[in-house]
Amino acid sequence: TKFSEKHTQSFIEPFEAAFGDREGVQVVQLNIEENWAKAMVLQ
C-alpha cells in the first residue's frame, strides 16, 4: 500500500547513505497489488 512506503523508506535512506554506489550492495523494491481493480489504478 501507499501507507507502507514511509516504513520501507525509513530503512532505504540510511542504507543508501551508508553504502551509496558500493559494488555488490544494492536496494531492490517490490510493489505488490493483489486486487485487480487497484491494479488497474496502479498501472
PDB file of all heavy atoms in Angstrom:
ATOM      1  N   THR A   1       0.840  -1.188   0.000  1.00  0.00           N
ATOM      2  CA  THR A   1       0.000   0.000   0.000  1.00  0.00           C
ATOM      3  C   THR A   1       0.881   1.246   0.000  1.00  0.00           C
ATOM      4  O   THR A   1       2.086   1.196   0.260  1.00  0.00           O
ATOM      5  CB  THR A   1      -0.919   0.033   1.241  1.00  0.00           C
ATOM      6  OG1 THR A   1      -0.109   0.048   2.412  1.00  0.00           O
ATOM      7  CG2 THR A   1      -1.854  -1.164   1.264  1.00  0.00           C
ATOM      8  N   LYS A   2       0.230   2.384  -0.290  1.00  0.00           N
ATOM      9  CA  LYS A   2       0.920   3.670  -0.224  1.00  0.00           C
ATOM     10  C   LYS A   2       1.322   3.985   1.209  1.00  0.00           C
ATOM     11  O   LYS A   2       2.368   4.619   1.448  1.00  0.00           O
ATOM     12  CB  LYS A   2      -0.023   4.755  -0.767  1.00  0.00           C
ATOM     13  CG  LYS A   2       0.548   6.159  -0.759  1.00  0.00           C
ATOM     14  CD  LYS A   2       1.655   6.327  -1.756  1.00  0.00           C
ATOM     15  CE  LYS A   2       2.155   7.759  -1.791  1.00  0.00           C
ATOM     16  NZ  LYS A   2       3.291   7.946  -2.725  1.00  0.00           N
ATOM     17  N   PHE A   3       0.516   3.559   2.171  1.00  0.00           N
ATOM     18  CA  PHE A   3       0.791   3.819   3.578  1.00  0.00           C
ATOM     19  C   PHE A   3       2.113   3.207   4.021  1.00  0.00           C
ATOM     20  O   PHE A   3       2.806   3.747   4.891  1.00  0.00           O
ATOM     21  CB  PHE A   3      -0.366   3.275   4.431  1.00  0.00           C
ATOM     22  CG  PHE A   3      -0.149   3.349   5.904  1.00  0.00           C
ATOM     23  CD1 PHE A   3      -0.296   4.552   6.586  1.00  0.00           C
ATOM     24  CD2 PHE A   3       0.204   2.218   6.629  1.00  0.00           C
ATOM     25  CE1 PHE A   3      -0.090   4.620   7.953  1.00  0.00           C
ATOM     26  CE2 PHE A   3       0.414   2.287   7.994  1.00  0.00           C
ATOM     27  CZ  PHE A   3       0.266   3.489   8.657  1.00  0.00           C
ATOM     28  N   SER A   4       2.488   2.062   3.437  1.00  0.00           N
ATOM     29  CA  SER A   4       3.691   1.355   3.886  1.00  0.00           C
ATOM     30  C   SER A   4       4.968   1.902   3.261  1.00  0.00           C
ATOM     31  O   SER A   4       6.062   1.484   3.650  1.00  0.00           O
ATOM     32  CB  SER A   4       3.565  -0.133   3.555  1.00  0.00           C
ATOM     33  OG  SER A   4       3.484  -0.327   2.144  1.00  0.00           O
ATOM     34  N   GLU A   5       4.874   2.827   2.306  1.00  0.00           N
ATOM     35  CA  GLU A   5       6.079   3.339   1.653  1.00  0.00           C
ATOM     36  C   GLU A   5       6.968   4.106   2.623  1.00  0.00           C
ATOM     37  O   GLU A   5       8.195   4.048   2.540  1.00  0.00           O
ATOM     38  CB  GLU A   5       5.688   4.225   0.471  1.00  0.00           C
ATOM     39  CG  GLU A   5       5.120   3.456  -0.709  1.00  0.00           C
ATOM     40  CD  GLU A   5       4.813   4.360  -1.883  1.00  0.00           C
ATOM     41  OE1 GLU A   5       5.070   5.587  -1.768  1.00  0.00           O
ATOM     42  OE2 GLU A   5       4.322   3.864  -2.902  1.00  0.00           O
ATOM     43  N   LYS A   6       6.343   4.837   3.563  1.00  0.00           N
ATOM     44  CA  LYS A   6       7.160   5.576   4.536  1.00  0.00           C
ATOM     45  C   LYS A   6       7.912   4.624   5.465  1.00  0.00           C
ATOM     46  O   LYS A   6       8.992   4.974   5.971  1.00  0.00           O
ATOM     47  CB  LYS A   6       6.272   6.520   5.341  1.00  0.00           C
ATOM     48  CG  LYS A   6       5.208   5.825   6.171  1.00  0.00           C
ATOM     49  CD  LYS A   6       4.358   6.838   6.929  1.00  0.00           C
ATOM     50  CE  LYS A   6       3.293   6.137   7.774  1.00  0.00           C
ATOM     51  NZ  LYS A   6       2.449   7.125   8.514  1.00  0.00           N
ATOM     52  N   HIS A   7       7.372   3.417   5.674  1.00  0.00           N
ATOM     53  CA  HIS A   7       8.063   2.435   6.509  1.00  0.00           C
ATOM     54  C   HIS A   7       9.337   1.957   5.828  1.00  0.00           C
ATOM     55  O   HIS A   7      10.427   1.975   6.434  1.00  0.00           O
ATOM     56  CB  HIS A   7       7.145   1.247   6.785  1.00  0.00           C
ATOM     57  CG  HIS A   7       5.896   1.617   7.520  1.00  0.00           C
ATOM     58  ND1 HIS A   7       4.769   0.820   7.513  1.00  0.00           N
ATOM     59  CD2 HIS A   7       5.588   2.680   8.291  1.00  0.00           C
ATOM     60  CE1 HIS A   7       3.831   1.385   8.244  1.00  0.00           C
ATOM     61  NE2 HIS A   7       4.294   2.519   8.712  1.00  0.00           N
ATOM     62  N   THR A   8       9.210   1.497   4.597  1.00  0.00           N
ATOM     63  CA  THR A   8      10.389   0.980   3.893  1.00  0.00           C
ATOM     64  C   THR A   8      11.388   2.094   3.581  1.00  0.00           C
ATOM     65  O   THR A   8      12.595   1.859   3.571  1.00  0.00           O
ATOM     66  CB  THR A   8       9.963   0.276   2.600  1.00  0.00           C
ATOM     67  OG1 THR A   8       9.185   1.179   1.799  1.00  0.00           O
ATOM     68  CG2 THR A   8       9.110  -0.938   2.905  1.00  0.00           C
ATOM     69  N   GLN A   9      10.896   3.294   3.332  1.00  0.00           N
ATOM     70  CA  GLN A   9      11.802   4.400   3.026  1.00  0.00           C
ATOM     71  C   GLN A   9      12.657   4.755   4.230  1.00  0.00           C
ATOM     72  O   GLN A   9      13.801   5.213   4.074  1.00  0.00           O
ATOM     73  CB  GLN A   9      10.984   5.625   2.581  1.00  0.00           C
ATOM     74  CG  GLN A   9      11.804   6.693   1.884  1.00  0.00           C
ATOM     75  CD  GLN A   9      12.418   6.224   0.579  1.00  0.00           C
ATOM     76  OE1 GLN A   9      11.882   5.341  -0.097  1.00  0.00           O
ATOM     77  NE2 GLN A   9      13.554   6.799   0.234  1.00  0.00           N
ATOM     78  N   SER A  10      12.149   4.530   5.442  1.00  0.00           N
ATOM     79  CA  SER A  10      12.943   4.814   6.641  1.00  0.00           C
ATOM     80  C   SER A  10      14.137   3.875   6.771  1.00  0.00           C
ATOM     81  O   SER A  10      15.088   4.185   7.502  1.00  0.00           O
ATOM     82  CB  SER A  10      12.056   4.717   7.883  1.00  0.00           C
ATOM     83  OG  SER A  10      11.582   3.391   8.071  1.00  0.00           O
ATOM     84  N   PHE A  11      14.118   2.727   6.069  1.00  0.00           N
ATOM     85  CA  PHE A  11      15.265   1.819   6.036  1.00  0.00           C
ATOM     86  C   PHE A  11      16.152   2.097   4.812  1.00  0.00           C
ATOM     87  O   PHE A  11      17.378   1.964   4.895  1.00  0.00           O
ATOM     88  CB  PHE A  11      14.800   0.365   6.001  1.00  0.00           C
ATOM     89  CG  PHE A  11      14.227  -0.132   7.294  1.00  0.00           C
ATOM     90  CD1 PHE A  11      12.872  -0.064   7.539  1.00  0.00           C
ATOM     91  CD2 PHE A  11      15.047  -0.671   8.274  1.00  0.00           C
ATOM     92  CE1 PHE A  11      12.333  -0.528   8.726  1.00  0.00           C
ATOM     93  CE2 PHE A  11      14.520  -1.133   9.478  1.00  0.00           C
ATOM     94  CZ  PHE A  11      13.158  -1.055   9.703  1.00  0.00           C
ATOM     95  N   ILE A  12      15.531   2.448   3.695  1.00  0.00           N
ATOM     96  CA  ILE A  12      16.300   2.647   2.460  1.00  0.00           C
ATOM     97  C   ILE A  12      17.221   3.858   2.565  1.00  0.00           C
ATOM     98  O   ILE A  12      18.372   3.829   2.101  1.00  0.00           O
ATOM     99  CB  ILE A  12      15.337   2.786   1.268  1.00  0.00           C
ATOM    100  CG1 ILE A  12      14.612   1.458   1.019  1.00  0.00           C
ATOM    101  CG2 ILE A  12      16.078   3.208   0.011  1.00  0.00           C
ATOM    102  CD1 ILE A  12      13.553   1.538  -0.060  1.00  0.00           C
ATOM    103  N   GLU A  13      16.743   4.936   3.171  1.00  0.00           N
ATOM    104  CA  GLU A  13      17.545   6.157   3.248  1.00  0.00           C
ATOM    105  C   GLU A  13      18.847   5.954   4.006  1.00  0.00           C
ATOM    106  O   GLU A  13      19.931   6.310   3.498  1.00  0.00           O
ATOM    107  CB  GLU A  13      16.702   7.280   3.862  1.00  0.00           C
ATOM    108  CG  GLU A  13      15.584   7.771   2.948  1.00  0.00           C
ATOM    109  CD  GLU A  13      14.745   8.839   3.612  1.00  0.00           C
ATOM    110  OE1 GLU A  13      14.982   9.136   4.814  1.00  0.00           O
ATOM    111  OE2 GLU A  13      13.840   9.384   2.941  1.00  0.00           O
ATOM    112  N   PRO A  14      18.856   5.386   5.223  1.00  0.00           N
ATOM    113  CA  PRO A  14      20.160   5.163   5.878  1.00  0.00           C
ATOM    114  C   PRO A  14      21.002   4.107   5.173  1.00  0.00           C
ATOM    115  O   PRO A  14      22.240   4.160   5.239  1.00  0.00           O
ATOM    116  CB  PRO A  14      19.773   4.718   7.294  1.00  0.00           C
ATOM    117  CG  PRO A  14      18.375   4.224   7.188  1.00  0.00           C
ATOM    118  CD  PRO A  14      17.733   5.040   6.114  1.00  0.00           C
ATOM    119  N   PHE A  15      20.368   3.164   4.490  1.00  0.00           N
ATOM    120  CA  PHE A  15      21.117   2.146   3.757  1.00  0.00           C
ATOM    121  C   PHE A  15      21.886   2.775   2.605  1.00  0.00           C
ATOM    122  O   PHE A  15      23.082   2.505   2.420  1.00  0.00           O
ATOM    123  CB  PHE A  15      20.144   1.081   3.240  1.00  0.00           C
ATOM    124  CG  PHE A  15      20.820  -0.123   2.642  1.00  0.00           C
ATOM    125  CD1 PHE A  15      21.193  -1.199   3.442  1.00  0.00           C
ATOM    126  CD2 PHE A  15      21.093  -0.197   1.282  1.00  0.00           C
ATOM    127  CE1 PHE A  15      21.813  -2.308   2.897  1.00  0.00           C
ATOM    128  CE2 PHE A  15      21.708  -1.296   0.728  1.00  0.00           C
ATOM    129  CZ  PHE A  15      22.075  -2.366   1.543  1.00  0.00           C
ATOM    130  N   GLU A  16      21.226   3.614   1.821  1.00  0.00           N
ATOM    131  CA  GLU A  16      21.909   4.269   0.701  1.00  0.00           C
ATOM    132  C   GLU A  16      22.909   5.303   1.192  1.00  0.00           C
ATOM    133  O   GLU A  16      23.940   5.538   0.544  1.00  0.00           O
ATOM    134  CB  GLU A  16      20.886   4.912  -0.231  1.00  0.00           C
ATOM    135  CG  GLU A  16      20.093   3.911  -1.051  1.00  0.00           C
ATOM    136  CD  GLU A  16      19.317   4.568  -2.165  1.00  0.00           C
ATOM    137  OE1 GLU A  16      18.951   5.758  -2.010  1.00  0.00           O
ATOM    138  OE2 GLU A  16      19.071   3.922  -3.195  1.00  0.00           O
ATOM    139  N   ALA A  17      22.616   5.947   2.323  1.00  0.00           N
ATOM    140  CA  ALA A  17      23.582   6.911   2.860  1.00  0.00           C
ATOM    141  C   ALA A  17      24.873   6.224   3.295  1.00  0.00           C
ATOM    142  O   ALA A  17      25.960   6.812   3.206  1.00  0.00           O
ATOM    143  CB  ALA A  17      22.962   7.657   4.038  1.00  0.00           C
ATOM    144  N   ALA A  18      24.770   4.976   3.740  1.00  0.00           N
ATOM    145  CA  ALA A  18      25.951   4.256   4.214  1.00  0.00           C
ATOM    146  C   ALA A  18      26.735   3.610   3.080  1.00  0.00           C
ATOM    147  O   ALA A  18      27.972   3.547   3.132  1.00  0.00           O
ATOM    148  CB  ALA A  18      25.535   3.203   5.238  1.00  0.00           C
ATOM    149  N   PHE A  19      26.055   3.132   2.052  1.00  0.00           N
ATOM    150  CA  PHE A  19      26.729   2.348   1.012  1.00  0.00           C
ATOM    151  C   PHE A  19      26.743   3.045  -0.345  1.00  0.00           C
ATOM    152  O   PHE A  19      27.635   2.797  -1.148  1.00  0.00           O
ATOM    153  CB  PHE A  19      26.069   0.968   0.884  1.00  0.00           C
ATOM    154  CG  PHE A  19      26.143   0.168   2.142  1.00  0.00           C
ATOM    155  CD1 PHE A  19      25.055   0.058   2.981  1.00  0.00           C
ATOM    156  CD2 PHE A  19      27.323  -0.465   2.517  1.00  0.00           C
ATOM    157  CE1 PHE A  19      25.117  -0.683   4.145  1.00  0.00           C
ATOM    158  CE2 PHE A  19      27.404  -1.206   3.680  1.00  0.00           C
ATOM    159  CZ  PHE A  19      26.296  -1.307   4.504  1.00  0.00           C
ATOM    160  N   GLY A  20      25.775   3.887  -0.646  1.00  0.00           N
ATOM    161  CA  GLY A  20      25.780   4.627  -1.898  1.00  0.00           C
ATOM    162  C   GLY A  20      25.837   3.706  -3.109  1.00  0.00           C
ATOM    163  O   GLY A  20      25.022   2.790  -3.253  1.00  0.00           O
ATOM    164  N   ASP A  21      26.837   3.915  -3.946  1.00  0.00           N
ATOM    165  CA  ASP A  21      27.014   3.103  -5.164  1.00  0.00           C
ATOM    166  C   ASP A  21      28.038   1.990  -4.962  1.00  0.00           C
ATOM    167  O   ASP A  21      28.717   1.568  -5.911  1.00  0.00           O
ATOM    168  CB  ASP A  21      27.445   4.002  -6.337  1.00  0.00           C
ATOM    169  CG  ASP A  21      26.386   5.035  -6.680  1.00  0.00           C
ATOM    170  OD1 ASP A  21      25.199   4.761  -6.412  1.00  0.00           O
ATOM    171  OD2 ASP A  21      26.740   6.115  -7.199  1.00  0.00           O
ATOM    172  N   ARG A  22      28.186   1.515  -3.774  1.00  0.00           N
ATOM    173  CA  ARG A  22      29.164   0.464  -3.491  1.00  0.00           C
ATOM    174  C   ARG A  22      28.844  -0.781  -4.297  1.00  0.00           C
ATOM    175  O   ARG A  22      27.702  -1.245  -4.346  1.00  0.00           O
ATOM    176  CB  ARG A  22      29.163   0.157  -1.996  1.00  0.00           C
ATOM    177  CG  ARG A  22      30.129  -0.932  -1.586  1.00  0.00           C
ATOM    178  CD  ARG A  22      30.120  -1.102  -0.072  1.00  0.00           C
ATOM    179  NE  ARG A  22      30.926  -2.230   0.340  1.00  0.00           N
ATOM    180  CZ  ARG A  22      31.113  -2.578   1.617  1.00  0.00           C
ATOM    181  NH1 ARG A  22      30.553  -1.858   2.579  1.00  0.00           N
ATOM    182  NH2 ARG A  22      31.857  -3.625   1.913  1.00  0.00           N
ATOM    183  N   GLU A  23      29.836  -1.342  -4.908  1.00  0.00           N
ATOM    184  CA  GLU A  23      29.649  -2.525  -5.758  1.00  0.00           C
ATOM    185  C   GLU A  23      29.341  -3.747  -4.894  1.00  0.00           C
ATOM    186  O   GLU A  23      29.961  -3.975  -3.857  1.00  0.00           O
ATOM    187  CB  GLU A  23      30.911  -2.763  -6.589  1.00  0.00           C
ATOM    188  CG  GLU A  23      30.758  -3.859  -7.623  1.00  0.00           C
ATOM    189  CD  GLU A  23      31.996  -4.017  -8.477  1.00  0.00           C
ATOM    190  OE1 GLU A  23      32.946  -3.229  -8.280  1.00  0.00           O
ATOM    191  OE2 GLU A  23      32.014  -4.933  -9.322  1.00  0.00           O
ATOM    192  N   GLY A  24      28.368  -4.531  -5.335  1.00  0.00           N
ATOM    193  CA  GLY A  24      27.980  -5.734  -4.618  1.00  0.00           C
ATOM    194  C   GLY A  24      26.898  -5.519  -3.591  1.00  0.00           C
ATOM    195  O   GLY A  24      26.459  -6.480  -2.956  1.00  0.00           O
ATOM    196  N   VAL A  25      26.459  -4.276  -3.404  1.00  0.00           N
ATOM    197  CA  VAL A  25      25.389  -3.955  -2.451  1.00  0.00           C
ATOM    198  C   VAL A  25      24.342  -3.126  -3.202  1.00  0.00           C
ATOM    199  O   VAL A  25      24.682  -2.175  -3.915  1.00  0.00           O
ATOM    200  CB  VAL A  25      25.931  -3.183  -1.234  1.00  0.00           C
ATOM    201  CG1 VAL A  25      24.799  -2.871  -0.262  1.00  0.00           C
ATOM    202  CG2 VAL A  25      27.024  -3.983  -0.535  1.00  0.00           C
ATOM    203  N   GLN A  26      23.074  -3.466  -3.016  1.00  0.00           N
ATOM    204  CA  GLN A  26      22.026  -2.788  -3.770  1.00  0.00           C
ATOM    205  C   GLN A  26      20.717  -2.766  -2.989  1.00  0.00           C
ATOM    206  O   GLN A  26      20.558  -3.462  -1.980  1.00  0.00           O
ATOM    207  CB  GLN A  26      21.791  -3.498  -5.105  1.00  0.00           C
ATOM    208  CG  GLN A  26      21.269  -4.912  -4.955  1.00  0.00           C
ATOM    209  CD  GLN A  26      20.953  -5.579  -6.269  1.00  0.00           C
ATOM    210  OE1 GLN A  26      21.061  -4.971  -7.325  1.00  0.00           O
ATOM    211  NE2 GLN A  26      20.556  -6.846  -6.217  1.00  0.00           N
ATOM    212  N   VAL A  27      19.791  -1.953  -3.494  1.00  0.00           N
ATOM    213  CA  VAL A  27      18.429  -1.873  -2.975  1.00  0.00           C
ATOM    214  C   VAL A  27      17.472  -2.338  -4.067  1.00  0.00           C
ATOM    215  O   VAL A  27      17.543  -1.863  -5.210  1.00  0.00           O
ATOM    216  CB  VAL A  27      18.073  -0.434  -2.539  1.00  0.00           C
ATOM    217  CG1 VAL A  27      16.603  -0.344  -2.139  1.00  0.00           C
ATOM    218  CG2 VAL A  27      18.945   0.008  -1.384  1.00  0.00           C
ATOM    219  N   VAL A  28      16.593  -3.259  -3.741  1.00  0.00           N
ATOM    220  CA  VAL A  28      15.554  -3.736  -4.648  1.00  0.00           C
ATOM    221  C   VAL A  28      14.203  -3.481  -3.991  1.00  0.00           C
ATOM    222  O   VAL A  28      13.998  -3.865  -2.830  1.00  0.00           O
ATOM    223  CB  VAL A  28      15.717  -5.238  -4.978  1.00  0.00           C
ATOM    224  CG1 VAL A  28      14.533  -5.733  -5.810  1.00  0.00           C
ATOM    225  CG2 VAL A  28      17.017  -5.478  -5.725  1.00  0.00           C
ATOM    226  N   GLN A  29      13.307  -2.833  -4.715  1.00  0.00           N
ATOM    227  CA  GLN A  29      11.972  -2.518  -4.204  1.00  0.00           C
ATOM    228  C   GLN A  29      10.936  -3.352  -4.947  1.00  0.00           C
ATOM    229  O   GLN A  29      10.972  -3.462  -6.175  1.00  0.00           O
ATOM    230  CB  GLN A  29      11.668  -1.029  -4.372  1.00  0.00           C
ATOM    231  CG  GLN A  29      12.547  -0.138  -3.526  1.00  0.00           C
ATOM    232  CD  GLN A  29      12.279   1.335  -3.770  1.00  0.00           C
ATOM    233  OE1 GLN A  29      12.972   1.964  -4.555  1.00  0.00           O
ATOM    234  NE2 GLN A  29      11.288   1.873  -3.080  1.00  0.00           N
ATOM    235  N   LEU A  30      10.003  -3.904  -4.183  1.00  0.00           N
ATOM    236  CA  LEU A  30       8.939  -4.744  -4.725  1.00  0.00           C
ATOM    237  C   LEU A  30       7.591  -4.133  -4.348  1.00  0.00           C
ATOM    238  O   LEU A  30       7.283  -3.973  -3.167  1.00  0.00           O
ATOM    239  CB  LEU A  30       9.047  -6.170  -4.186  1.00  0.00           C
ATOM    240  CG  LEU A  30       7.988  -7.178  -4.634  1.00  0.00           C
ATOM    241  CD1 LEU A  30       7.975  -7.329  -6.139  1.00  0.00           C
ATOM    242  CD2 LEU A  30       8.225  -8.530  -3.964  1.00  0.00           C
ATOM    243  N   ASN A  31       6.812  -3.785  -5.361  1.00  0.00           N
ATOM    244  CA  ASN A  31       5.484  -3.201  -5.164  1.00  0.00           C
ATOM    245  C   ASN A  31       4.457  -4.234  -5.626  1.00  0.00           C
ATOM    246  O   ASN A  31       4.440  -4.618  -6.802  1.00  0.00           O
ATOM    247  CB  ASN A  31       5.340  -1.905  -5.972  1.00  0.00           C
ATOM    248  CG  ASN A  31       4.101  -1.120  -5.581  1.00  0.00           C
ATOM    249  OD1 ASN A  31       3.145  -1.675  -5.029  1.00  0.00           O
ATOM    250  ND2 ASN A  31       4.102   0.174  -5.864  1.00  0.00           N
ATOM    251  N   ILE A  32       3.602  -4.689  -4.711  1.00  0.00           N
ATOM    252  CA  ILE A  32       2.647  -5.764  -4.989  1.00  0.00           C
ATOM    253  C   ILE A  32       1.234  -5.229  -4.878  1.00  0.00           C
ATOM    254  O   ILE A  32       0.906  -4.532  -3.915  1.00  0.00           O
ATOM    255  CB  ILE A  32       2.841  -6.946  -4.018  1.00  0.00           C
ATOM    256  CG1 ILE A  32       4.240  -7.531  -4.164  1.00  0.00           C
ATOM    257  CG2 ILE A  32       1.790  -8.026  -4.256  1.00  0.00           C
ATOM    258  CD1 ILE A  32       4.558  -8.602  -3.141  1.00  0.00           C
ATOM    259  N   GLU A  33       0.405  -5.563  -5.853  1.00  0.00           N
ATOM    260  CA  GLU A  33      -1.018  -5.228  -5.801  1.00  0.00           C
ATOM    261  C   GLU A  33      -1.811  -6.491  -6.109  1.00  0.00           C
ATOM    262  O   GLU A  33      -1.765  -7.000  -7.223  1.00  0.00           O
ATOM    263  CB  GLU A  33      -1.369  -4.122  -6.803  1.00  0.00           C
ATOM    264  CG  GLU A  33      -2.809  -3.665  -6.726  1.00  0.00           C
ATOM    265  CD  GLU A  33      -3.235  -3.353  -5.303  1.00  0.00           C
ATOM    266  OE1 GLU A  33      -2.724  -2.378  -4.722  1.00  0.00           O
ATOM    267  OE2 GLU A  33      -4.066  -4.115  -4.758  1.00  0.00           O
ATOM    268  N   GLU A  34      -2.531  -6.995  -5.109  1.00  0.00           N
ATOM    269  CA  GLU A  34      -3.273  -8.245  -5.258  1.00  0.00           C
ATOM    270  C   GLU A  34      -4.686  -8.033  -5.779  1.00  0.00           C
ATOM    271  O   GLU A  34      -5.283  -8.951  -6.347  1.00  0.00           O
ATOM    272  CB  GLU A  34      -3.332  -8.970  -3.916  1.00  0.00           C
ATOM    273  CG  GLU A  34      -1.972  -9.356  -3.376  1.00  0.00           C
ATOM    274  CD  GLU A  34      -2.045 -10.100  -2.065  1.00  0.00           C
ATOM    275  OE1 GLU A  34      -2.300  -9.454  -1.032  1.00  0.00           O
ATOM    276  OE2 GLU A  34      -1.860 -11.332  -2.078  1.00  0.00           O
ATOM    277  N   ASN A  35      -5.253  -6.862  -5.589  1.00  0.00           N
ATOM    278  CA  ASN A  35      -6.610  -6.580  -6.027  1.00  0.00           C
ATOM    279  C   ASN A  35      -6.599  -6.151  -7.487  1.00  0.00           C
ATOM    280  O   ASN A  35      -5.851  -5.240  -7.875  1.00  0.00           O
ATOM    281  CB  ASN A  35      -7.222  -5.491  -5.138  1.00  0.00           C
ATOM    282  CG  ASN A  35      -8.691  -5.267  -5.436  1.00  0.00           C
ATOM    283  OD1 ASN A  35      -9.048  -4.670  -6.442  1.00  0.00           O
ATOM    284  ND2 ASN A  35      -9.553  -5.733  -4.549  1.00  0.00           N
ATOM    285  N   TRP A  36      -7.450  -6.772  -8.320  1.00  0.00           N
ATOM    286  CA  TRP A  36      -7.412  -6.485  -9.763  1.00  0.00           C
ATOM    287  C   TRP A  36      -7.894  -5.068 -10.064  1.00  0.00           C
ATOM    288  O   TRP A  36      -7.399  -4.423 -11.006  1.00  0.00           O
ATOM    289  CB  TRP A  36      -8.273  -7.503 -10.520  1.00  0.00           C
ATOM    290  CG  TRP A  36      -9.735  -7.448 -10.175  1.00  0.00           C
ATOM    291  CD1 TRP A  36     -10.378  -8.132  -9.205  1.00  0.00           C
ATOM    292  CD2 TRP A  36     -10.724  -6.633 -10.813  1.00  0.00           C
ATOM    293  NE1 TRP A  36     -11.710  -7.806  -9.179  1.00  0.00           N
ATOM    294  CE2 TRP A  36     -11.957  -6.896 -10.161  1.00  0.00           C
ATOM    295  CE3 TRP A  36     -10.704  -5.716 -11.867  1.00  0.00           C
ATOM    296  CZ2 TRP A  36     -13.145  -6.261 -10.528  1.00  0.00           C
ATOM    297  CZ3 TRP A  36     -11.885  -5.088 -12.233  1.00  0.00           C
ATOM    298  CH2 TRP A  36     -13.088  -5.365 -11.572  1.00  0.00           C
ATOM    299  N   ALA A  37      -8.834  -4.554  -9.271  1.00  0.00           N
ATOM    300  CA  ALA A  37      -9.326  -3.194  -9.511  1.00  0.00           C
ATOM    301  C   ALA A  37      -8.250  -2.164  -9.170  1.00  0.00           C
ATOM    302  O   ALA A  37      -8.014  -1.208  -9.921  1.00  0.00           O
ATOM    303  CB  ALA A  37     -10.585  -2.946  -8.692  1.00  0.00           C
ATOM    304  N   LYS A  38      -7.562  -2.379  -8.033  1.00  0.00           N
ATOM    305  CA  LYS A  38      -6.477  -1.469  -7.671  1.00  0.00           C
ATOM    306  C   LYS A  38      -5.290  -1.615  -8.609  1.00  0.00           C
ATOM    307  O   LYS A  38      -4.529  -0.658  -8.803  1.00  0.00           O
ATOM    308  CB  LYS A  38      -6.045  -1.732  -6.230  1.00  0.00           C
ATOM    309  CG  LYS A  38      -7.097  -1.400  -5.192  1.00  0.00           C
ATOM    310  CD  LYS A  38      -6.583  -1.684  -3.800  1.00  0.00           C
ATOM    311  CE  LYS A  38      -7.631  -1.382  -2.737  1.00  0.00           C
ATOM    312  NZ  LYS A  38      -7.139  -1.669  -1.368  1.00  0.00           N
ATOM    313  N   ALA A  39      -5.127  -2.800  -9.187  1.00  0.00           N
ATOM    314  CA  ALA A  39      -4.033  -2.998 -10.135  1.00  0.00           C
ATOM    315  C   ALA A  39      -4.215  -2.114 -11.367  1.00  0.00           C
ATOM    316  O   ALA A  39      -3.238  -1.571 -11.904  1.00  0.00           O
ATOM    317  CB  ALA A  39      -3.960  -4.471 -10.542  1.00  0.00           C
ATOM    318  N   MET A  40      -5.453  -1.943 -11.816  1.00  0.00           N
ATOM    319  CA  MET A  40      -5.703  -1.057 -12.950  1.00  0.00           C
ATOM    320  C   MET A  40      -5.349   0.387 -12.596  1.00  0.00           C
ATOM    321  O   MET A  40      -4.792   1.123 -13.416  1.00  0.00           O
ATOM    322  CB  MET A  40      -7.169  -1.169 -13.369  1.00  0.00           C
ATOM    323  CG  MET A  40      -7.570  -2.558 -13.852  1.00  0.00           C
ATOM    324  SD  MET A  40      -9.328  -2.705 -14.195  1.00  0.00           S
ATOM    325  CE  MET A  40      -9.520  -1.506 -15.502  1.00  0.00           C
ATOM    326  N   VAL A  41      -5.667   0.798 -11.372  1.00  0.00           N
ATOM    327  CA  VAL A  41      -5.319   2.152 -10.928  1.00  0.00           C
ATOM    328  C   VAL A  41      -3.808   2.321 -10.843  1.00  0.00           C
ATOM    329  O   VAL A  41      -3.252   3.357 -11.231  1.00  0.00           O
ATOM    330  CB  VAL A  41      -5.988   2.454  -9.573  1.00  0.00           C
ATOM    331  CG1 VAL A  41      -5.587   3.824  -9.065  1.00  0.00           C
ATOM    332  CG2 VAL A  41      -7.500   2.350  -9.698  1.00  0.00           C
ATOM    333  N   LEU A  42      -3.118   1.277 -10.343  1.00  0.00           N
ATOM    334  CA  LEU A  42      -1.662   1.343 -10.232  1.00  0.00           C
ATOM    335  C   LEU A  42      -1.007   1.456 -11.606  1.00  0.00           C
ATOM    336  O   LEU A  42      -0.012   2.180 -11.768  1.00  0.00           O
ATOM    337  CB  LEU A  42      -1.142   0.122  -9.477  1.00  0.00           C
ATOM    338  CG  LEU A  42       0.373   0.037  -9.269  1.00  0.00           C
ATOM    339  CD1 LEU A  42       0.878   1.248  -8.494  1.00  0.00           C
ATOM    340  CD2 LEU A  42       0.746  -1.247  -8.542  1.00  0.00           C
ATOM    341  N   GLN A  43      -1.537   0.765 -12.586  1.00  0.00           N
ATOM    342  CA  GLN A  43      -0.988   0.875 -13.938  1.00  0.00           C
ATOM    343  C   GLN A  43      -1.121   2.293 -14.483  1.00  0.00           C
ATOM    344  O   GLN A  43      -0.230   2.789 -15.181  1.00  0.00           O
ATOM    345  CB  GLN A  43      -1.691  -0.122 -14.861  1.00  0.00           C
ATOM    346  CG  GLN A  43      -1.322  -1.569 -14.591  1.00  0.00           C
ATOM    347  CD  GLN A  43      -2.057  -2.532 -15.509  1.00  0.00           C
ATOM    348  OE1 GLN A  43      -2.992  -2.155 -16.197  1.00  0.00           O
ATOM    349  NE2 GLN A  43      -1.641  -3.783 -15.498  1.00  0.00           N
TER     350      GLN A  43
END
